[in-house]
Each structure stands twice: as C-alpha cells, then as structure tokens.
Amino acid sequence: MKLFLFLTGTLLTVLSCQKNRNFEKFTVDKNLPNYDTIQILSKYPELKLYNSEIVESKTRTAYIVQQAFYYDGLLKGSFFFDDYKCKAQYQNDTLNILLNNNNGYFGNGVLVKVFNSQFYIKDIDPKTLKTEKKFIKSKVLEQKLVLNTNKFNKNDSIYGFIDYKCRVDSLVYKHFRGYFKTTIQQN
C-alpha cells in the first residue's frame, strides 16, 4: 500500500509539473492564397510602426484584429488593435510565425509554433521592448490555425488564418483573429 501511494504521489507530481501547451492540429487549405482578404493585403503597403523601422515587405503581411476586454465583475473597458505584421522563420523542424505590432515601446501579439502538423500559441507580453521577446501565461479558450500547406521551406510563401481566444488572467479576455501572408526566412 505504501509503495502504491508513493508511486501515485510521484506520478501526480510529475504530471502537475508538465507544461500545458495546448497542442492542436492545424488545417490545410490550399485555396487560402485566393481568399479576398489575402488578395487585398497585396494591394496595400506594409505598415511602418515606428519612424526608424526598416520595412521588410513591400505589401501588407497581416490583417488581424485583436480585441481585449477587461472585467472586474462588470465590463471595465476594451481595447482594439489592428496594426499587426507577420514574420515567419523556419528553425530546425519548427516554423515560428510571429504576429506582432511591436513599435519599440511595447509589443502585442502572438508567436505560433508549428511542427509535425500541430501548433501551439504563446502570447507576447505587452511590456516587450523592440529587441526583446517575452511571453505571458494564458489559458486557451479556443484556437484555430489554417495554413496553405504543411510543408515548409526557406523562401516559400506561407498564407494563414488564425482565430485565437484566451484568458490572460482572471480579468482579461483576448480575441485575436485574421489573415496573414509572408515569406519563410531561415534562422
């Protein structure tokens, strides 16, 4: 009986120490590059988020809308962001898709890690400076990722759609949704 309790306690301790990353399968839609929103992105210049920024793409790389709601019993306030850019890097066997609006003073967005036909999302800490990458813990409520392919190579174009809902803490709810396109860079 003591051995059973010891093994059960050890197993529970190990399981509770593991990180819950909320891995899910992503969907492949080869027609994604033909969607209206993706086509419209090619008609607009890339956003310039701060004066000294070097713009890497000639056309807009993302149209994503994020709504954040703050609650304290009742709705206290909401914030709306739609100034996101996309950057993708392929590193070993993982595709990192950064959807961010870092302007040198704060950053807001997500990092999507894609590998083995699965993905998980990490929320970027808004207190992130231009050269930093910090993340905050969040509880995933719903998430969906659609990409135009599941084969990734350097210099390939990637097109995607994201719909992500999470709770950052007990008072903040976040909904992040939209389309993106970019060229995969090698890190």
Protein backbone atom coordinates (compact mmCIF):
# COMPACT_ATOMS: atom_id res chain seq x y z
CA MET A 1 0.00 0.00 0.00
CA LYS A 2 2.85 2.41 0.85
CA LEU A 3 4.50 1.62 -2.47
CA PHE A 4 1.22 2.33 -4.32
CA LEU A 5 0.80 5.68 -2.52
CA PHE A 6 4.43 6.60 -3.21
CA LEU A 7 4.12 5.77 -6.94
CA THR A 8 0.78 7.58 -7.23
CA GLY A 9 2.21 10.67 -5.50
CA THR A 10 5.28 10.65 -7.73
CA LEU A 11 3.18 10.29 -10.89
CA LEU A 12 0.87 13.15 -9.86
CA THR A 13 3.86 15.37 -9.09
CA VAL A 14 5.44 14.68 -12.49
CA LEU A 15 2.17 15.29 -14.33
CA SER A 16 1.47 18.54 -12.48
CA CYS A 17 4.94 19.89 -13.34
CA GLN A 18 4.49 19.39 -17.08
CA LYS A 19 3.60 22.49 -19.06
CA ASN A 20 0.22 22.54 -20.75
CA ARG A 21 0.94 23.96 -24.19
CA ASN A 22 -2.47 23.22 -25.77
CA PHE A 23 -1.14 21.46 -28.88
CA GLU A 24 -3.69 21.11 -31.66
CA LYS A 25 -3.71 20.03 -35.29
CA PHE A 26 -3.88 22.78 -37.89
CA THR A 27 -5.98 22.64 -41.04
CA VAL A 28 -4.56 22.84 -44.57
CA ASP A 29 -6.48 24.85 -47.18
CA LYS A 30 -4.58 25.14 -50.48
CA ASN A 31 -7.06 27.78 -51.71
CA LEU A 32 -6.13 30.22 -48.92
CA PRO A 33 -3.92 32.40 -51.21
CA ASN A 34 -7.03 33.09 -53.33
CA TYR A 35 -9.18 34.40 -50.45
CA ASP A 36 -10.32 38.01 -50.83
CA THR A 37 -8.62 39.24 -47.64
CA ILE A 38 -5.28 37.74 -48.68
CA GLN A 39 -5.61 39.32 -52.14
CA ILE A 40 -6.39 42.72 -50.60
CA LEU A 41 -3.23 42.53 -48.44
CA SER A 42 -1.16 42.63 -51.66
CA LYS A 43 -2.75 45.96 -52.64
CA TYR A 44 -1.57 47.89 -49.55
CA PRO A 45 1.93 48.84 -48.40
CA GLU A 46 3.35 47.25 -45.25
CA LEU A 47 2.76 49.10 -42.00
CA LYS A 48 5.55 51.19 -40.55
CA LEU A 49 5.14 51.05 -36.77
CA TYR A 50 7.93 53.48 -35.85
CA ASN A 51 9.97 56.09 -37.75
CA SER A 52 13.34 54.30 -37.90
CA GLU A 53 11.84 50.90 -38.77
CA ILE A 54 13.20 49.14 -41.84
CA VAL A 55 10.19 47.69 -43.63
CA GLU A 56 10.98 44.16 -44.86
CA SER A 57 7.97 43.64 -47.14
CA LYS A 58 6.57 45.89 -49.85
CA THR A 59 3.00 44.76 -49.22
CA ARG A 60 0.96 44.28 -46.07
CA THR A 61 1.67 40.95 -44.34
CA ALA A 62 -1.28 40.70 -41.96
CA TYR A 63 -4.80 41.85 -41.33
CA ILE A 64 -5.53 40.72 -37.81
CA VAL A 65 -7.91 42.27 -35.32
CA GLN A 66 -7.41 41.83 -31.61
CA GLN A 67 -9.98 42.80 -29.03
CA ALA A 68 -9.04 42.72 -25.37
CA PHE A 69 -11.71 43.04 -22.69
CA TYR A 70 -11.05 43.84 -19.04
CA TYR A 71 -13.52 42.69 -16.43
CA ASP A 72 -13.93 43.38 -12.75
CA GLY A 73 -17.37 41.94 -12.16
CA LEU A 74 -18.72 44.13 -14.97
CA LEU A 75 -17.06 45.16 -18.23
CA LYS A 76 -14.49 47.83 -17.37
CA GLY A 77 -13.00 48.50 -20.76
CA SER A 78 -11.94 47.16 -24.09
CA PHE A 79 -9.05 47.76 -26.46
CA PHE A 80 -8.89 47.23 -30.20
CA PHE A 81 -5.71 46.61 -32.23
CA ASP A 82 -5.42 46.05 -35.98
CA ASP A 83 -1.82 47.05 -36.74
CA TYR A 84 -0.13 43.64 -36.94
CA LYS A 85 2.70 42.39 -39.11
CA CYS A 86 3.73 38.83 -39.90
CA LYS A 87 7.18 37.29 -39.96
CA ALA A 88 7.98 33.58 -40.30
CA GLN A 89 11.23 31.74 -39.65
CA TYR A 90 11.98 28.07 -40.14
CA GLN A 91 14.32 26.74 -37.47
CA ASN A 92 15.26 23.03 -37.43
CA ASP A 93 11.83 21.34 -37.71
CA THR A 94 9.74 24.22 -36.33
CA LEU A 95 8.06 27.07 -38.18
CA ASN A 96 7.79 30.17 -35.97
CA ILE A 97 5.11 32.62 -37.10
CA LEU A 98 5.33 35.96 -35.30
CA LEU A 99 2.17 38.09 -35.47
CA ASN A 100 3.14 41.24 -33.64
CA ASN A 101 2.81 45.02 -33.60
CA ASN A 102 5.97 45.93 -31.70
CA ASN A 103 6.64 49.65 -32.06
CA GLY A 104 9.76 49.92 -29.91
CA TYR A 105 7.84 50.77 -26.74
CA PHE A 106 5.50 47.80 -26.41
CA GLY A 107 4.57 44.70 -28.34
CA ASN A 108 1.27 42.93 -28.58
CA GLY A 109 0.51 39.73 -30.40
CA VAL A 110 1.33 36.04 -30.54
CA LEU A 111 4.01 33.58 -31.57
CA VAL A 112 2.64 30.48 -33.32
CA LYS A 113 4.93 27.44 -33.25
CA VAL A 114 4.13 24.88 -35.96
CA PHE A 115 5.64 21.38 -36.21
CA ASN A 116 4.54 17.81 -37.03
CA SER A 117 1.14 19.08 -38.28
CA GLN A 118 0.50 20.59 -34.83
CA PHE A 119 0.73 24.08 -33.38
CA TYR A 120 0.61 25.97 -30.13
CA ILE A 121 0.36 29.68 -29.42
CA LYS A 122 2.33 31.82 -26.98
CA ASP A 123 1.09 35.29 -26.01
CA ILE A 124 3.58 38.13 -26.25
CA ASP A 125 3.96 40.27 -23.16
CA PRO A 126 2.82 43.86 -23.96
CA LYS A 127 5.78 45.20 -21.98
CA THR A 128 8.20 43.84 -24.59
CA LEU A 129 10.79 46.23 -26.00
CA LYS A 130 11.87 46.23 -29.64
CA THR A 131 14.67 43.66 -29.30
CA GLU A 132 13.05 41.53 -26.59
CA LYS A 133 10.72 38.56 -26.77
CA LYS A 134 8.84 37.97 -23.54
CA PHE A 135 5.75 35.87 -23.13
CA ILE A 136 2.89 35.78 -20.65
CA LYS A 137 0.91 32.83 -19.41
CA SER A 138 -2.60 32.48 -20.72
CA LYS A 139 -5.44 29.98 -20.67
CA VAL A 140 -6.52 28.97 -24.16
CA LEU A 141 -10.29 29.01 -24.62
CA GLU A 142 -10.41 28.32 -28.38
CA GLN A 143 -7.81 28.22 -31.12
CA LYS A 144 -7.79 27.51 -34.83
CA LEU A 145 -4.98 27.75 -37.37
CA VAL A 146 -5.36 27.27 -41.13
CA LEU A 147 -2.29 27.24 -43.39
CA ASN A 148 -1.99 26.78 -47.14
CA THR A 149 0.50 23.89 -46.74
CA ASN A 150 2.08 21.56 -44.22
CA LYS A 151 5.48 21.51 -45.99
CA PHE A 152 7.77 24.39 -45.11
CA ASN A 153 10.95 25.51 -46.86
CA LYS A 154 13.06 28.66 -46.80
CA ASN A 155 11.85 31.38 -49.21
CA ASP A 156 8.42 29.73 -49.66
CA SER A 157 5.35 31.90 -49.27
CA ILE A 158 3.03 30.95 -46.43
CA TYR A 159 -0.58 32.03 -46.09
CA GLY A 160 -2.69 31.60 -43.00
CA PHE A 161 -5.75 32.31 -40.89
CA ILE A 162 -5.82 32.42 -37.10
CA ASP A 163 -8.70 32.54 -34.63
CA TYR A 164 -7.49 32.54 -31.03
CA LYS A 165 -9.36 33.24 -27.80
CA CYS A 166 -7.71 33.18 -24.39
CA ARG A 167 -7.86 34.49 -20.87
CA VAL A 168 -4.63 36.22 -19.87
CA ASP A 169 -5.58 36.35 -16.21
CA SER A 170 -8.83 36.31 -14.29
CA LEU A 171 -9.72 39.82 -15.52
CA VAL A 172 -8.52 39.93 -19.17
CA TYR A 173 -10.09 38.17 -22.15
CA LYS A 174 -8.44 38.35 -25.59
CA HIS A 175 -9.76 37.52 -29.09
CA PHE A 176 -7.17 37.51 -31.90
CA ARG A 177 -8.44 36.80 -35.43
CA GLY A 178 -7.37 37.40 -39.03
CA TYR A 179 -5.31 36.54 -42.09
CA PHE A 180 -1.58 36.72 -42.76
CA LYS A 181 0.97 36.06 -45.51
CA THR A 182 4.73 36.21 -45.62
CA THR A 183 7.88 34.57 -46.95
CA ILE A 184 9.59 32.00 -44.73
CA GLN A 185 13.07 33.02 -43.66
CA GLN A 186 15.81 30.70 -42.43
CA ASN A 187 17.14 31.44 -38.97
